[in-house]
Amino acid sequence: MDNSEYILNEVNKGIKMGMDSISNISDKVQDSNLKENLHFQYNKYNEILNKVNDQLSKYGEFPKELNPMQKAMGWMSIEWNTMDDKSDSKISEMMLKGLNMGIIEGVKLLNNNPNANTETKNILSEFVKFQENTVEQLKKYL
């Protein structure tokens, strides 16, 4: 069975969570290189999101927004986790945890949906690979 719509919606959700996290945390970042890295991540997420949106439109579907509770929980988590420690190391650690969750979910989607269409699998693979590369970039800030 082709679960491409489901996969695209999951990638959409992961991207929007990542973009939201970057938006919520960027003003806490001290290091200009880390800030630049987060800006690059945000733009790359947006690039992949455009591909997701193009594919979803082929199904006559619009990308779903994060539910307000998810957005609020993400914001609260960032605020809580940076209350006592706003260091670049702490921020990188938080971002790494989110990226690792995204990688795990992405790989599970790839492994469990062999019948997804090629374009969807390519987008999902790009999303996972980008997150893996970003993990390597952020490790230097720990």
N, C-alpha and C. Protein backbone atom coordinates (compact mmCIF):
# COMPACT_ATOMS: atom_id res chain seq x y z
N MET A 1 0.84 -1.18 0.00
CA MET A 1 0.00 0.00 0.00
C MET A 1 0.89 1.25 0.00
N ASP A 2 0.53 2.24 -0.79
CA ASP A 2 1.27 3.49 -0.91
C ASP A 2 0.82 4.46 0.18
N ASN A 3 1.68 4.69 1.16
CA ASN A 3 1.38 5.60 2.27
C ASN A 3 2.02 6.97 2.08
N SER A 4 2.19 7.38 0.83
CA SER A 4 2.92 8.61 0.54
C SER A 4 2.30 9.83 1.21
N GLU A 5 0.98 9.95 1.20
CA GLU A 5 0.33 11.10 1.84
C GLU A 5 0.66 11.15 3.33
N TYR A 6 0.55 10.01 3.98
CA TYR A 6 0.84 9.92 5.41
C TYR A 6 2.30 10.33 5.68
N ILE A 7 3.22 9.79 4.88
CA ILE A 7 4.64 10.08 5.04
C ILE A 7 4.89 11.58 4.87
N LEU A 8 4.32 12.15 3.83
CA LEU A 8 4.50 13.58 3.58
C LEU A 8 3.97 14.42 4.73
N ASN A 9 2.84 14.02 5.28
CA ASN A 9 2.29 14.74 6.44
C ASN A 9 3.18 14.60 7.66
N GLU A 10 3.80 13.45 7.85
CA GLU A 10 4.72 13.26 8.96
C GLU A 10 5.98 14.11 8.79
N VAL A 11 6.50 14.16 7.55
CA VAL A 11 7.67 15.00 7.28
C VAL A 11 7.30 16.46 7.50
N ASN A 12 6.12 16.84 7.02
CA ASN A 12 5.63 18.20 7.23
C ASN A 12 5.62 18.54 8.72
N LYS A 13 5.11 17.62 9.53
CA LYS A 13 5.04 17.85 10.98
C LYS A 13 6.45 17.98 11.58
N GLY A 14 7.35 17.10 11.17
CA GLY A 14 8.71 17.15 11.68
C GLY A 14 9.43 18.44 11.31
N ILE A 15 9.22 18.88 10.08
CA ILE A 15 9.84 20.12 9.62
C ILE A 15 9.29 21.30 10.41
N LYS A 16 7.99 21.34 10.57
CA LYS A 16 7.39 22.48 11.27
C LYS A 16 7.81 22.51 12.74
N MET A 17 7.97 21.34 13.34
CA MET A 17 8.46 21.30 14.72
C MET A 17 9.89 21.83 14.79
N GLY A 18 10.71 21.43 13.82
CA GLY A 18 12.08 21.91 13.77
C GLY A 18 12.16 23.41 13.56
N MET A 19 11.36 23.92 12.63
CA MET A 19 11.35 25.35 12.35
C MET A 19 10.85 26.14 13.56
N ASP A 20 9.83 25.61 14.21
CA ASP A 20 9.30 26.24 15.42
C ASP A 20 10.36 26.30 16.52
N SER A 21 11.07 25.20 16.70
CA SER A 21 12.11 25.14 17.72
C SER A 21 13.20 26.18 17.44
N ILE A 22 13.61 26.26 16.18
CA ILE A 22 14.64 27.22 15.80
C ILE A 22 14.15 28.65 16.07
N SER A 23 12.92 28.92 15.69
CA SER A 23 12.35 30.25 15.93
C SER A 23 12.32 30.58 17.42
N ASN A 24 11.96 29.60 18.24
CA ASN A 24 11.84 29.82 19.68
C ASN A 24 13.18 29.95 20.39
N ILE A 25 14.21 29.35 19.82
CA ILE A 25 15.48 29.30 20.55
C ILE A 25 16.53 30.28 20.02
N SER A 26 16.35 30.76 18.81
CA SER A 26 17.38 31.59 18.17
C SER A 26 17.79 32.80 18.99
N ASP A 27 16.85 33.44 19.65
CA ASP A 27 17.18 34.65 20.41
C ASP A 27 18.00 34.35 21.67
N LYS A 28 18.12 33.09 22.04
CA LYS A 28 18.89 32.71 23.21
C LYS A 28 20.34 32.36 22.85
N VAL A 29 20.62 32.24 21.56
CA VAL A 29 21.93 31.79 21.10
C VAL A 29 22.94 32.94 21.18
N GLN A 30 24.11 32.65 21.76
CA GLN A 30 25.18 33.63 21.92
C GLN A 30 26.16 33.59 20.74
N ASP A 31 26.57 32.41 20.36
CA ASP A 31 27.61 32.23 19.35
C ASP A 31 27.08 32.55 17.95
N SER A 32 27.79 33.43 17.25
CA SER A 32 27.32 33.83 15.91
C SER A 32 27.36 32.68 14.92
N ASN A 33 28.32 31.75 15.08
CA ASN A 33 28.38 30.59 14.17
C ASN A 33 27.19 29.66 14.40
N LEU A 34 26.83 29.46 15.65
CA LEU A 34 25.67 28.62 15.97
C LEU A 34 24.41 29.29 15.45
N LYS A 35 24.32 30.58 15.63
CA LYS A 35 23.15 31.33 15.14
C LYS A 35 23.04 31.18 13.62
N GLU A 36 24.18 31.28 12.94
CA GLU A 36 24.21 31.12 11.48
C GLU A 36 23.81 29.69 11.09
N ASN A 37 24.30 28.71 11.86
CA ASN A 37 23.95 27.31 11.60
C ASN A 37 22.44 27.12 11.73
N LEU A 38 21.83 27.69 12.76
CA LEU A 38 20.38 27.56 12.95
C LEU A 38 19.62 28.25 11.81
N HIS A 39 20.12 29.37 11.36
CA HIS A 39 19.50 30.07 10.23
C HIS A 39 19.56 29.20 8.97
N PHE A 40 20.71 28.56 8.74
CA PHE A 40 20.85 27.65 7.61
C PHE A 40 19.86 26.49 7.72
N GLN A 41 19.78 25.91 8.94
CA GLN A 41 18.83 24.81 9.16
C GLN A 41 17.41 25.25 8.82
N TYR A 42 17.03 26.40 9.30
CA TYR A 42 15.67 26.91 9.08
C TYR A 42 15.39 27.02 7.58
N ASN A 43 16.34 27.58 6.85
CA ASN A 43 16.16 27.74 5.40
C ASN A 43 16.10 26.40 4.69
N LYS A 44 16.91 25.45 5.12
CA LYS A 44 16.90 24.11 4.50
C LYS A 44 15.58 23.40 4.80
N TYR A 45 15.09 23.53 6.03
CA TYR A 45 13.79 22.97 6.36
C TYR A 45 12.72 23.55 5.44
N ASN A 46 12.79 24.85 5.23
CA ASN A 46 11.81 25.52 4.38
C ASN A 46 11.89 25.00 2.94
N GLU A 47 13.10 24.75 2.47
CA GLU A 47 13.30 24.21 1.12
C GLU A 47 12.66 22.83 0.99
N ILE A 48 12.89 21.98 1.98
CA ILE A 48 12.29 20.64 1.95
C ILE A 48 10.77 20.73 2.10
N LEU A 49 10.32 21.65 2.95
CA LEU A 49 8.89 21.85 3.15
C LEU A 49 8.19 22.21 1.83
N ASN A 50 8.84 23.02 1.02
CA ASN A 50 8.26 23.37 -0.29
C ASN A 50 8.09 22.13 -1.16
N LYS A 51 9.03 21.21 -1.10
CA LYS A 51 8.92 19.95 -1.85
C LYS A 51 7.75 19.12 -1.32
N VAL A 52 7.62 19.07 0.00
CA VAL A 52 6.51 18.34 0.63
C VAL A 52 5.18 18.93 0.17
N ASN A 53 5.09 20.26 0.22
CA ASN A 53 3.86 20.94 -0.19
C ASN A 53 3.51 20.65 -1.64
N ASP A 54 4.52 20.66 -2.51
CA ASP A 54 4.28 20.35 -3.93
C ASP A 54 3.72 18.94 -4.09
N GLN A 55 4.29 18.00 -3.36
CA GLN A 55 3.81 16.62 -3.44
C GLN A 55 2.40 16.48 -2.87
N LEU A 56 2.16 17.10 -1.73
CA LEU A 56 0.83 17.03 -1.12
C LEU A 56 -0.23 17.61 -2.05
N SER A 57 0.12 18.66 -2.77
CA SER A 57 -0.86 19.28 -3.68
C SER A 57 -1.26 18.32 -4.79
N LYS A 58 -0.38 17.39 -5.13
CA LYS A 58 -0.72 16.37 -6.15
C LYS A 58 -1.81 15.43 -5.65
N TYR A 59 -1.95 15.35 -4.34
CA TYR A 59 -3.00 14.53 -3.73
C TYR A 59 -4.22 15.38 -3.41
N GLY A 60 -4.16 16.66 -3.79
CA GLY A 60 -5.26 17.56 -3.47
C GLY A 60 -5.33 17.87 -1.99
N GLU A 61 -4.20 17.76 -1.33
CA GLU A 61 -4.17 17.96 0.12
C GLU A 61 -3.32 19.17 0.46
N PHE A 62 -3.69 19.85 1.53
CA PHE A 62 -2.92 20.97 2.03
C PHE A 62 -2.12 20.51 3.23
N PRO A 63 -0.90 21.05 3.40
CA PRO A 63 -0.12 20.65 4.57
C PRO A 63 -0.82 21.06 5.86
N LYS A 64 -0.74 20.18 6.83
CA LYS A 64 -1.38 20.45 8.11
C LYS A 64 -0.47 21.33 8.97
N GLU A 65 -1.09 22.17 9.77
CA GLU A 65 -0.35 22.98 10.73
C GLU A 65 -0.16 22.18 12.00
N LEU A 66 0.88 22.53 12.76
CA LEU A 66 1.03 21.92 14.08
C LEU A 66 -0.14 22.34 14.93
N ASN A 67 -0.61 21.44 15.75
CA ASN A 67 -1.71 21.85 16.60
C ASN A 67 -1.19 22.79 17.67
N PRO A 68 -2.01 23.73 18.11
CA PRO A 68 -1.56 24.75 19.06
C PRO A 68 -0.95 24.16 20.33
N MET A 69 -1.44 23.02 20.76
CA MET A 69 -0.90 22.39 21.97
C MET A 69 0.55 21.94 21.72
N GLN A 70 0.82 21.36 20.54
CA GLN A 70 2.18 20.96 20.22
C GLN A 70 3.11 22.17 20.21
N LYS A 71 2.64 23.26 19.61
CA LYS A 71 3.45 24.47 19.55
C LYS A 71 3.73 25.00 20.96
N ALA A 72 2.71 25.02 21.79
CA ALA A 72 2.86 25.52 23.15
C ALA A 72 3.80 24.64 23.96
N MET A 73 3.68 23.34 23.79
CA MET A 73 4.54 22.40 24.52
C MET A 73 6.00 22.59 24.08
N GLY A 74 6.23 22.78 22.80
CA GLY A 74 7.58 23.01 22.30
C GLY A 74 8.18 24.27 22.89
N TRP A 75 7.40 25.33 22.90
CA TRP A 75 7.86 26.60 23.45
C TRP A 75 8.15 26.45 24.95
N MET A 76 7.23 25.82 25.68
CA MET A 76 7.42 25.64 27.13
C MET A 76 8.65 24.80 27.42
N SER A 77 8.87 23.78 26.63
CA SER A 77 10.04 22.93 26.83
C SER A 77 11.33 23.73 26.67
N ILE A 78 11.38 24.57 25.65
CA ILE A 78 12.57 25.39 25.44
C ILE A 78 12.75 26.37 26.60
N GLU A 79 11.68 27.01 26.99
CA GLU A 79 11.77 27.96 28.10
C GLU A 79 12.22 27.27 29.38
N TRP A 80 11.64 26.13 29.68
CA TRP A 80 11.97 25.39 30.89
C TRP A 80 13.42 24.92 30.87
N ASN A 81 13.84 24.36 29.74
CA ASN A 81 15.20 23.81 29.64
C ASN A 81 16.29 24.86 29.57
N THR A 82 15.93 26.08 29.27
CA THR A 82 16.95 27.14 29.20
C THR A 82 16.82 28.12 30.36
N MET A 83 15.97 27.82 31.31
CA MET A 83 15.76 28.72 32.44
C MET A 83 17.07 28.98 33.21
N ASP A 84 17.78 27.90 33.53
CA ASP A 84 19.01 28.02 34.30
C ASP A 84 20.26 27.98 33.43
N ASP A 85 20.13 27.48 32.23
CA ASP A 85 21.30 27.29 31.37
C ASP A 85 20.95 27.68 29.93
N LYS A 86 21.43 28.84 29.52
CA LYS A 86 21.19 29.30 28.16
C LYS A 86 22.45 29.17 27.30
N SER A 87 23.35 28.30 27.73
CA SER A 87 24.63 28.15 27.02
C SER A 87 24.40 27.54 25.64
N ASP A 88 25.35 27.78 24.76
CA ASP A 88 25.27 27.19 23.43
C ASP A 88 25.31 25.66 23.51
N SER A 89 26.03 25.15 24.50
CA SER A 89 26.08 23.70 24.70
C SER A 89 24.69 23.15 25.02
N LYS A 90 23.98 23.81 25.92
CA LYS A 90 22.63 23.37 26.30
C LYS A 90 21.68 23.47 25.10
N ILE A 91 21.77 24.56 24.36
CA ILE A 91 20.91 24.75 23.19
C ILE A 91 21.20 23.68 22.14
N SER A 92 22.48 23.39 21.92
CA SER A 92 22.85 22.34 20.97
C SER A 92 22.32 20.99 21.42
N GLU A 93 22.44 20.71 22.71
CA GLU A 93 21.94 19.45 23.26
C GLU A 93 20.44 19.31 23.00
N MET A 94 19.70 20.37 23.24
CA MET A 94 18.25 20.32 23.02
C MET A 94 17.93 20.09 21.55
N MET A 95 18.64 20.79 20.68
CA MET A 95 18.41 20.64 19.24
C MET A 95 18.77 19.22 18.79
N LEU A 96 19.86 18.69 19.34
CA LEU A 96 20.29 17.34 18.98
C LEU A 96 19.23 16.30 19.36
N LYS A 97 18.63 16.48 20.52
CA LYS A 97 17.58 15.54 20.94
C LYS A 97 16.42 15.55 19.95
N GLY A 98 16.00 16.73 19.53
CA GLY A 98 14.91 16.83 18.55
C GLY A 98 15.30 16.24 17.21
N LEU A 99 16.53 16.52 16.77
CA LEU A 99 16.99 15.97 15.50
C LEU A 99 17.05 14.45 15.54
N ASN A 100 17.54 13.91 16.66
CA ASN A 100 17.61 12.44 16.78
C ASN A 100 16.23 11.80 16.73
N MET A 101 15.25 12.45 17.35
CA MET A 101 13.88 11.92 17.26
C MET A 101 13.41 11.95 15.81
N GLY A 102 13.71 13.03 15.10
CA GLY A 102 13.33 13.15 13.70
C GLY A 102 14.00 12.09 12.83
N ILE A 103 15.26 11.82 13.10
CA ILE A 103 15.99 10.79 12.34
C ILE A 103 15.35 9.43 12.58
N ILE A 104 15.09 9.12 13.83
CA ILE A 104 14.48 7.82 14.17
C ILE A 104 13.14 7.66 13.46
N GLU A 105 12.30 8.66 13.56
CA GLU A 105 10.97 8.58 12.91
C GLU A 105 11.11 8.49 11.39
N GLY A 106 12.03 9.26 10.84
CA GLY A 106 12.23 9.23 9.39
C GLY A 106 12.71 7.88 8.89
N VAL A 107 13.67 7.30 9.59
CA VAL A 107 14.20 5.99 9.19
C VAL A 107 13.11 4.92 9.32
N LYS A 108 12.32 5.01 10.40
CA LYS A 108 11.21 4.05 10.55
C LYS A 108 10.23 4.19 9.38
N LEU A 109 9.92 5.41 8.98
CA LEU A 109 9.02 5.62 7.84
C LEU A 109 9.62 5.04 6.56
N LEU A 110 10.92 5.25 6.35
CA LEU A 110 11.58 4.69 5.16
C LEU A 110 11.52 3.16 5.18
N ASN A 111 11.86 2.57 6.32
CA ASN A 111 11.92 1.11 6.42
C ASN A 111 10.56 0.44 6.35
N ASN A 112 9.53 1.12 6.83
CA ASN A 112 8.21 0.49 6.92
C ASN A 112 7.27 0.83 5.77
N ASN A 113 7.75 1.58 4.79
CA ASN A 113 6.89 1.99 3.67
C ASN A 113 7.59 1.81 2.33
N PRO A 114 7.93 0.57 2.01
CA PRO A 114 8.66 0.34 0.76
C PRO A 114 7.82 0.68 -0.49
N ASN A 115 6.51 0.76 -0.35
CA ASN A 115 5.66 1.02 -1.52
C ASN A 115 5.35 2.50 -1.73
N ALA A 116 5.94 3.36 -0.91
CA ALA A 116 5.73 4.80 -1.12
C ALA A 116 6.31 5.17 -2.48
N ASN A 117 5.76 6.21 -3.09
CA ASN A 117 6.28 6.59 -4.40
C ASN A 117 7.70 7.13 -4.29
N THR A 118 8.40 7.10 -5.39
CA THR A 118 9.82 7.46 -5.42
C THR A 118 10.05 8.89 -4.95
N GLU A 119 9.24 9.83 -5.41
CA GLU A 119 9.42 11.22 -5.03
C GLU A 119 9.28 11.40 -3.51
N THR A 120 8.31 10.74 -2.92
CA THR A 120 8.11 10.82 -1.47
C THR A 120 9.31 10.22 -0.74
N LYS A 121 9.78 9.08 -1.19
CA LYS A 121 10.95 8.46 -0.56
C LYS A 121 12.18 9.35 -0.69
N ASN A 122 12.32 10.02 -1.83
CA ASN A 122 13.45 10.92 -2.02
C ASN A 122 13.40 12.10 -1.06
N ILE A 123 12.20 12.67 -0.88
CA ILE A 123 12.03 13.78 0.06
C ILE A 123 12.34 13.32 1.48
N LEU A 124 11.81 12.17 1.85
CA LEU A 124 12.04 11.63 3.20
C LEU A 124 13.52 11.35 3.40
N SER A 125 14.18 10.78 2.41
CA SER A 125 15.61 10.51 2.51
C SER A 125 16.41 11.80 2.65
N GLU A 126 16.03 12.82 1.90
CA GLU A 126 16.70 14.12 2.00
C GLU A 126 16.53 14.70 3.41
N PHE A 127 15.32 14.58 3.94
CA PHE A 127 15.02 15.08 5.28
C PHE A 127 15.88 14.37 6.33
N VAL A 128 15.96 13.05 6.25
CA VAL A 128 16.75 12.27 7.21
C VAL A 128 18.23 12.61 7.06
N LYS A 129 18.73 12.64 5.84
CA LYS A 129 20.15 12.93 5.60
C LYS A 129 20.52 14.32 6.10
N PHE A 130 19.64 15.30 5.85
CA PHE A 130 19.88 16.65 6.34
C PHE A 130 19.98 16.67 7.86
N GLN A 131 19.07 15.96 8.53
CA GLN A 131 19.11 15.91 10.00
C GLN A 131 20.38 15.23 10.50
N GLU A 132 20.79 14.15 9.83
CA GLU A 132 22.03 13.47 10.22
C GLU A 132 23.23 14.40 10.08
N ASN A 133 23.28 15.15 8.98
CA ASN A 133 24.39 16.09 8.78
C ASN A 133 24.35 17.20 9.83
N THR A 134 23.16 17.64 10.18
CA THR A 134 23.00 18.71 11.16
C THR A 134 23.46 18.25 12.54
N VAL A 135 23.20 16.99 12.87
CA VAL A 135 23.68 16.43 14.14
C VAL A 135 25.20 16.59 14.21
N GLU A 136 25.87 16.22 13.12
CA GLU A 136 27.33 16.32 13.11
C GLU A 136 27.79 17.76 13.28
N GLN A 137 27.08 18.70 12.66
CA GLN A 137 27.42 20.12 12.78
C GLN A 137 27.26 20.62 14.22
N LEU A 138 26.20 20.19 14.88
CA LEU A 138 25.89 20.71 16.22
C LEU A 138 26.76 20.09 17.32
N LYS A 139 27.33 18.95 17.08
CA LYS A 139 28.15 18.29 18.11
C LYS A 139 29.28 19.18 18.58
N LYS A 140 29.81 20.01 17.71
CA LYS A 140 30.96 20.84 18.09
C LYS A 140 30.61 21.92 19.11
N TYR A 141 29.30 22.14 19.31
CA TYR A 141 28.88 23.16 20.28
C TYR A 141 28.60 22.58 21.66
N LEU A 142 28.69 21.26 21.79
CA LEU A 142 28.42 20.62 23.09
C LEU A 142 29.52 20.94 24.10
